[in-house]
Amino acid sequence: MSETDTPADWWPRMSDDAANAEARRIIDDVYRPAPPPAPIPTSYRDDTEHPAVGDAQPVWQDDHRIVPAWAAGTAVASIGIGAGATGVGCGVWLVLKGFASMSVTGVVCMGVLFSGIAFAALSIGAAFSRARSSISRAVYTGPVTKNTHVTTHTRGAFARSHTHLHN
């Protein structure tokens, strides 16, 4: 018996109409469009109950300052040193402008010298300032109340201001 021969006792056999109907059902199942996926939420709302009267539970509040104080001081000092170095450089250029042997490259080299000294002084000062400052950590132990009262007096022809903080 070869592979193409079918045994005579292979029954029941589907009729042509039943085979066509089953083939049509399988093809329709395969090419049926899939339902759209379920939407994925993009936000979350916390629906836990808040106390109607009284204090809520303490919550840790991280210290999120925009710029640390040492960074702001370093930035201001850098701007001041840059402006000062530019002023000194312009002064040197104006003094040496009349000499024929002085070129623009020489003036730039003199400015680099003054800028290097200024930035070295800035970095040494910033290192001493950071080493001297203490590290403080916020420790939350209970309710926090801060009442700050500011009194400002301005007097005089040149508007001297005196600010007093009362904690």
C-alpha atoms as a PDB file:
ATOM      1  CA  MET A   1       0.000   0.000   0.000  1.00  0.00           C
ATOM      2  CA  SER A   2       1.470   3.403  -0.992  1.00  0.00           C
ATOM      3  CA  GLU A   3       1.048   6.768   0.734  1.00  0.00           C
ATOM      4  CA  THR A   4      -1.460   8.001  -1.847  1.00  0.00           C
ATOM      5  CA  ASP A   5      -3.779   5.048  -1.366  1.00  0.00           C
ATOM      6  CA  THR A   6      -6.545   5.466   1.183  1.00  0.00           C
ATOM      7  CA  PRO A   7      -7.800   2.474   3.109  1.00  0.00           C
ATOM      8  CA  ALA A   8     -11.299   1.430   2.284  1.00  0.00           C
ATOM      9  CA  ASP A   9     -12.374   1.350   5.909  1.00  0.00           C
ATOM     10  CA  TRP A  10     -11.603   5.073   6.486  1.00  0.00           C
ATOM     11  CA  TRP A  11     -15.094   6.263   7.241  1.00  0.00           C
ATOM     12  CA  PRO A  12     -16.986   8.464   8.043  1.00  0.00           C
ATOM     13  CA  ARG A  13     -15.880  10.873   5.455  1.00  0.00           C
ATOM     14  CA  MET A  14     -17.076  14.531   5.172  1.00  0.00           C
ATOM     15  CA  SER A  15     -19.188  15.429   2.262  1.00  0.00           C
ATOM     16  CA  ASP A  16     -17.971  18.141  -0.063  1.00  0.00           C
ATOM     17  CA  ASP A  17     -20.562  20.597   1.246  1.00  0.00           C
ATOM     18  CA  ALA A  18     -19.598  19.935   4.885  1.00  0.00           C
ATOM     19  CA  ALA A  19     -15.875  20.273   4.050  1.00  0.00           C
ATOM     20  CA  ASN A  20     -16.488  23.579   2.241  1.00  0.00           C
ATOM     21  CA  ALA A  21     -18.543  24.896   5.174  1.00  0.00           C
ATOM     22  CA  GLU A  22     -15.791  23.896   7.681  1.00  0.00           C
ATOM     23  CA  ALA A  23     -13.105  25.486   5.499  1.00  0.00           C
ATOM     24  CA  ARG A  24     -15.164  28.703   5.242  1.00  0.00           C
ATOM     25  CA  ARG A  25     -15.595  28.746   9.067  1.00  0.00           C
ATOM     26  CA  ILE A  26     -11.833  28.294   9.670  1.00  0.00           C
ATOM     27  CA  ILE A  27     -10.927  31.028   7.138  1.00  0.00           C
ATOM     28  CA  ASP A  28     -13.481  33.421   8.661  1.00  0.00           C
ATOM     29  CA  ASP A  29     -12.077  32.765  12.158  1.00  0.00           C
ATOM     30  CA  VAL A  30      -8.524  33.468  11.010  1.00  0.00           C
ATOM     31  CA  TYR A  31      -9.351  36.724   9.175  1.00  0.00           C
ATOM     32  CA  ARG A  32     -11.839  38.099  11.744  1.00  0.00           C
ATOM     33  CA  PRO A  33     -10.548  41.467  13.015  1.00  0.00           C
ATOM     34  CA  ALA A  34      -9.259  41.333  16.593  1.00  0.00           C
ATOM     35  CA  PRO A  35     -11.045  43.458  19.194  1.00  0.00           C
ATOM     36  CA  PRO A  36      -9.169  46.635  20.171  1.00  0.00           C
ATOM     37  CA  PRO A  37      -6.975  46.304  23.260  1.00  0.00           C
ATOM     38  CA  ALA A  38      -8.279  47.578  26.588  1.00  0.00           C
ATOM     39  CA  PRO A  39      -7.273  51.185  27.319  1.00  0.00           C
ATOM     40  CA  ILE A  40      -4.276  51.635  29.623  1.00  0.00           C
ATOM     41  CA  PRO A  41      -4.772  54.217  32.385  1.00  0.00           C
ATOM     42  CA  THR A  42      -2.327  57.137  32.262  1.00  0.00           C
ATOM     43  CA  SER A  43      -2.941  58.527  35.740  1.00  0.00           C
ATOM     44  CA  TYR A  44      -3.803  57.353  39.229  1.00  0.00           C
ATOM     45  CA  ARG A  45      -6.097  58.976  41.756  1.00  0.00           C
ATOM     46  CA  ASP A  46      -5.598  58.160  45.419  1.00  0.00           C
ATOM     47  CA  ASP A  47      -9.069  57.688  46.887  1.00  0.00           C
ATOM     48  CA  THR A  48      -8.023  57.033  50.474  1.00  0.00           C
ATOM     49  CA  GLU A  49     -10.083  58.852  53.071  1.00  0.00           C
ATOM     50  CA  HIS A  50      -8.657  61.950  54.726  1.00  0.00           C
ATOM     51  CA  PRO A  51      -9.509  62.711  58.331  1.00  0.00           C
ATOM     52  CA  ALA A  52     -12.521  65.017  58.540  1.00  0.00           C
ATOM     53  CA  VAL A  53     -11.270  66.695  61.724  1.00  0.00           C
ATOM     54  CA  GLY A  54      -7.772  66.827  63.144  1.00  0.00           C
ATOM     55  CA  ASP A  55      -4.288  66.381  61.860  1.00  0.00           C
ATOM     56  CA  ALA A  56      -3.289  64.079  59.048  1.00  0.00           C
ATOM     57  CA  GLN A  57      -0.510  61.564  59.469  1.00  0.00           C
ATOM     58  CA  PRO A  58       3.046  62.982  59.191  1.00  0.00           C
ATOM     59  CA  VAL A  59       4.515  62.714  55.716  1.00  0.00           C
ATOM     60  CA  TRP A  60       8.226  62.817  54.904  1.00  0.00           C
ATOM     61  CA  GLN A  61       9.029  65.994  52.971  1.00  0.00           C
ATOM     62  CA  ASP A  62      12.290  65.920  51.085  1.00  0.00           C
ATOM     63  CA  ASP A  63      14.416  69.057  50.857  1.00  0.00           C
ATOM     64  CA  HIS A  64      13.953  70.164  47.219  1.00  0.00           C
ATOM     65  CA  ARG A  65      15.767  73.442  46.885  1.00  0.00           C
ATOM     66  CA  ILE A  66      16.129  74.841  43.426  1.00  0.00           C
ATOM     67  CA  VAL A  67      19.822  75.733  43.869  1.00  0.00           C
ATOM     68  CA  PRO A  68      21.971  74.999  46.942  1.00  0.00           C
ATOM     69  CA  ALA A  69      23.349  78.071  48.687  1.00  0.00           C
ATOM     70  CA  TRP A  70      26.979  77.169  47.977  1.00  0.00           C
ATOM     71  CA  ALA A  71      26.222  76.793  44.250  1.00  0.00           C
ATOM     72  CA  ALA A  72      24.486  80.171  44.107  1.00  0.00           C
ATOM     73  CA  GLY A  73      27.431  81.795  45.900  1.00  0.00           C
ATOM     74  CA  THR A  74      29.912  80.173  43.544  1.00  0.00           C
ATOM     75  CA  ALA A  75      27.890  81.326  40.517  1.00  0.00           C
ATOM     76  CA  VAL A  76      27.717  84.917  41.754  1.00  0.00           C
ATOM     77  CA  ALA A  77      31.431  84.906  42.532  1.00  0.00           C
ATOM     78  CA  SER A  78      32.180  83.489  39.059  1.00  0.00           C
ATOM     79  CA  ILE A  79      30.177  86.240  37.407  1.00  0.00           C
ATOM     80  CA  GLY A  80      31.927  88.887  39.505  1.00  0.00           C
ATOM     81  CA  ILE A  81      35.370  87.460  38.787  1.00  0.00           C
ATOM     82  CA  GLY A  82      34.564  87.210  35.079  1.00  0.00           C
ATOM     83  CA  ALA A  83      33.411  90.809  34.959  1.00  0.00           C
ATOM     84  CA  GLY A  84      36.464  91.919  36.933  1.00  0.00           C
ATOM     85  CA  ALA A  85      38.834  89.970  34.712  1.00  0.00           C
ATOM     86  CA  THR A  86      37.173  91.474  31.641  1.00  0.00           C
ATOM     87  CA  GLY A  87      37.562  94.969  33.094  1.00  0.00           C
ATOM     88  CA  VAL A  88      41.206  94.361  33.940  1.00  0.00           C
ATOM     89  CA  GLY A  89      41.805  92.885  30.510  1.00  0.00           C
ATOM     90  CA  CYS A  90      40.211  95.896  28.814  1.00  0.00           C
ATOM     91  CA  GLY A  91      42.307  98.197  30.979  1.00  0.00           C
ATOM     92  CA  VAL A  92      45.501  96.378  30.048  1.00  0.00           C
ATOM     93  CA  TRP A  93      44.493  96.492  26.396  1.00  0.00           C
ATOM     94  CA  LEU A  94      43.851 100.223  26.556  1.00  0.00           C
ATOM     95  CA  VAL A  95      47.188 100.858  28.288  1.00  0.00           C
ATOM     96  CA  LEU A  96      49.134  98.770  25.839  1.00  0.00           C
ATOM     97  CA  LYS A  97      47.191  99.823  22.745  1.00  0.00           C
ATOM     98  CA  GLY A  98      49.738 102.399  21.651  1.00  0.00           C
ATOM     99  CA  PHE A  99      52.719 100.054  21.602  1.00  0.00           C
ATOM    100  CA  ALA A 100      53.522  98.721  18.140  1.00  0.00           C
ATOM    101  CA  SER A 101      55.043  95.542  19.535  1.00  0.00           C
ATOM    102  CA  MET A 102      51.865  94.572  21.413  1.00  0.00           C
ATOM    103  CA  SER A 103      49.451  92.444  19.377  1.00  0.00           C
ATOM    104  CA  VAL A 104      45.925  91.261  20.071  1.00  0.00           C
ATOM    105  CA  THR A 105      47.332  87.821  20.860  1.00  0.00           C
ATOM    106  CA  GLY A 106      49.512  89.345  23.577  1.00  0.00           C
ATOM    107  CA  VAL A 107      46.519  91.116  25.126  1.00  0.00           C
ATOM    108  CA  VAL A 108      44.534  87.872  25.111  1.00  0.00           C
ATOM    109  CA  CYS A 109      47.428  86.060  26.821  1.00  0.00           C
ATOM    110  CA  MET A 110      47.520  88.738  29.548  1.00  0.00           C
ATOM    111  CA  GLY A 111      43.751  88.336  30.027  1.00  0.00           C
ATOM    112  CA  VAL A 112      44.127  84.565  30.330  1.00  0.00           C
ATOM    113  CA  LEU A 113      46.732  85.113  33.046  1.00  0.00           C
ATOM    114  CA  PHE A 114      44.397  87.334  35.094  1.00  0.00           C
ATOM    115  CA  SER A 115      41.455  84.962  34.550  1.00  0.00           C
ATOM    116  CA  GLY A 116      43.514  81.968  35.677  1.00  0.00           C
ATOM    117  CA  ILE A 117      44.534  83.713  38.898  1.00  0.00           C
ATOM    118  CA  ALA A 118      40.929  84.778  39.564  1.00  0.00           C
ATOM    119  CA  PHE A 119      39.517  81.294  39.014  1.00  0.00           C
ATOM    120  CA  ALA A 120      42.202  79.710  41.201  1.00  0.00           C
ATOM    121  CA  ALA A 121      41.248  82.117  44.010  1.00  0.00           C
ATOM    122  CA  LEU A 122      37.567  81.281  43.476  1.00  0.00           C
ATOM    123  CA  SER A 123      38.137  77.524  43.656  1.00  0.00           C
ATOM    124  CA  ILE A 124      40.251  77.809  46.819  1.00  0.00           C
ATOM    125  CA  GLY A 125      37.609  80.019  48.462  1.00  0.00           C
ATOM    126  CA  ALA A 126      34.792  77.669  47.473  1.00  0.00           C
ATOM    127  CA  ALA A 127      36.723  74.673  48.854  1.00  0.00           C
ATOM    128  CA  PHE A 128      37.265  76.432  52.210  1.00  0.00           C
ATOM    129  CA  SER A 129      33.626  77.508  52.336  1.00  0.00           C
ATOM    130  CA  ARG A 130      32.335  73.981  51.648  1.00  0.00           C
ATOM    131  CA  ALA A 131      34.708  72.430  54.190  1.00  0.00           C
ATOM    132  CA  ARG A 132      33.632  74.951  56.852  1.00  0.00           C
ATOM    133  CA  SER A 133      29.864  74.612  56.322  1.00  0.00           C
ATOM    134  CA  SER A 134      28.005  71.962  58.278  1.00  0.00           C
ATOM    135  CA  ILE A 135      25.762  69.320  56.803  1.00  0.00           C
ATOM    136  CA  SER A 136      22.219  69.523  58.078  1.00  0.00           C
ATOM    137  CA  ARG A 137      19.577  66.891  57.602  1.00  0.00           C
ATOM    138  CA  ALA A 138      15.877  67.526  58.033  1.00  0.00           C
ATOM    139  CA  VAL A 139      14.483  65.241  60.735  1.00  0.00           C
ATOM    140  CA  TYR A 140      10.713  65.244  60.853  1.00  0.00           C
ATOM    141  CA  THR A 141       9.409  64.416  64.307  1.00  0.00           C
ATOM    142  CA  GLY A 142       6.035  66.083  64.506  1.00  0.00           C
ATOM    143  CA  PRO A 143       3.967  69.095  63.533  1.00  0.00           C
ATOM    144  CA  VAL A 144       5.964  72.038  62.224  1.00  0.00           C
ATOM    145  CA  THR A 145       4.832  75.639  62.653  1.00  0.00           C
ATOM    146  CA  LYS A 146       6.943  78.525  61.406  1.00  0.00           C
ATOM    147  CA  ASN A 147       5.752  82.044  62.047  1.00  0.00           C
ATOM    148  CA  THR A 148       8.153  84.572  60.586  1.00  0.00           C
ATOM    149  CA  HIS A 149       7.482  88.252  61.052  1.00  0.00           C
ATOM    150  CA  VAL A 150       9.549  90.694  58.986  1.00  0.00           C
ATOM    151  CA  THR A 151       9.943  94.354  59.922  1.00  0.00           C
ATOM    152  CA  THR A 152      11.563  96.704  57.416  1.00  0.00           C
ATOM    153  CA  HIS A 153      12.504 100.334  58.019  1.00  0.00           C
ATOM    154  CA  THR A 154      13.670 102.519  55.141  1.00  0.00           C
ATOM    155  CA  ARG A 155      15.102 105.941  55.941  1.00  0.00           C
ATOM    156  CA  GLY A 156      17.394 108.576  54.521  1.00  0.00           C
ATOM    157  CA  ALA A 157      18.154 110.258  51.249  1.00  0.00           C
ATOM    158  CA  PHE A 158      19.987 107.206  49.941  1.00  0.00           C
ATOM    159  CA  ALA A 159      17.287 104.767  51.143  1.00  0.00           C
ATOM    160  CA  ARG A 160      19.033 102.786  53.861  1.00  0.00           C
ATOM    161  CA  SER A 161      16.965  99.716  54.582  1.00  0.00           C
ATOM    162  CA  HIS A 162      17.040  97.797  57.867  1.00  0.00           C
ATOM    163  CA  THR A 163      15.307  94.423  57.850  1.00  0.00           C
ATOM    164  CA  HIS A 164      14.614  92.564  61.108  1.00  0.00           C
ATOM    165  CA  LEU A 165      13.370  88.971  61.207  1.00  0.00           C
ATOM    166  CA  HIS A 166      11.358  87.966  64.268  1.00  0.00           C
ATOM    167  CA  ASN A 167      10.893  84.208  64.582  1.00  0.00           C
END
